[in-house]
């Protein structure tokens, strides 16, 4: 199954691949919202849980607990979806009860890429997005493929969104840590 994610990526069987397009992230406020990325975290974040579940399956009681636990952890990660559009970042989560958090891109203040060793082994990383939103001050996109490209796409979309809305970021307070 191939799913188009707008400019920049295609999903095929759950794997995100980036495609070079003729133009880069052109956004106008009168256009409809475009999706640039839709991905799920890597199952690599469950490695520790899977090891514990495997060790529990040695005993009969452990198999009764370990196997459903491993399946549950798989479903939790599989049901977590990160969606990046021209206007917002959506974070879908929940197996039985679904929750969707939205973060408007013009509110993003900073972003950071964290690549722990065990995630770098499989080409993943965490993208931390810091915003001025009171309800979602920090959003962490856990274990996403090509995390540096995702962060660069977020940066470009934030700049486009701010320019389209006429938003300027103003820091009020002491300069350079001086009081």
Foldseek 3Di string as FASTA:
>chain_A
DWDDQFAFWIDDPQDIDGDHDPDPLDDAPVDDKGWRDKHFADCLVCPVLLVQLVVLCVDVVSVVVSVVSSVVSVQQRVQWMWIDILFWIWTWTDRPDIDIDIDGLLFWDDKDWAQDPSLVVVQWTKIWTAGPDPVPRIDIRHHDHPNVVVVVSSVVSNVNNCVNVVHDDDDDDDPPPDD
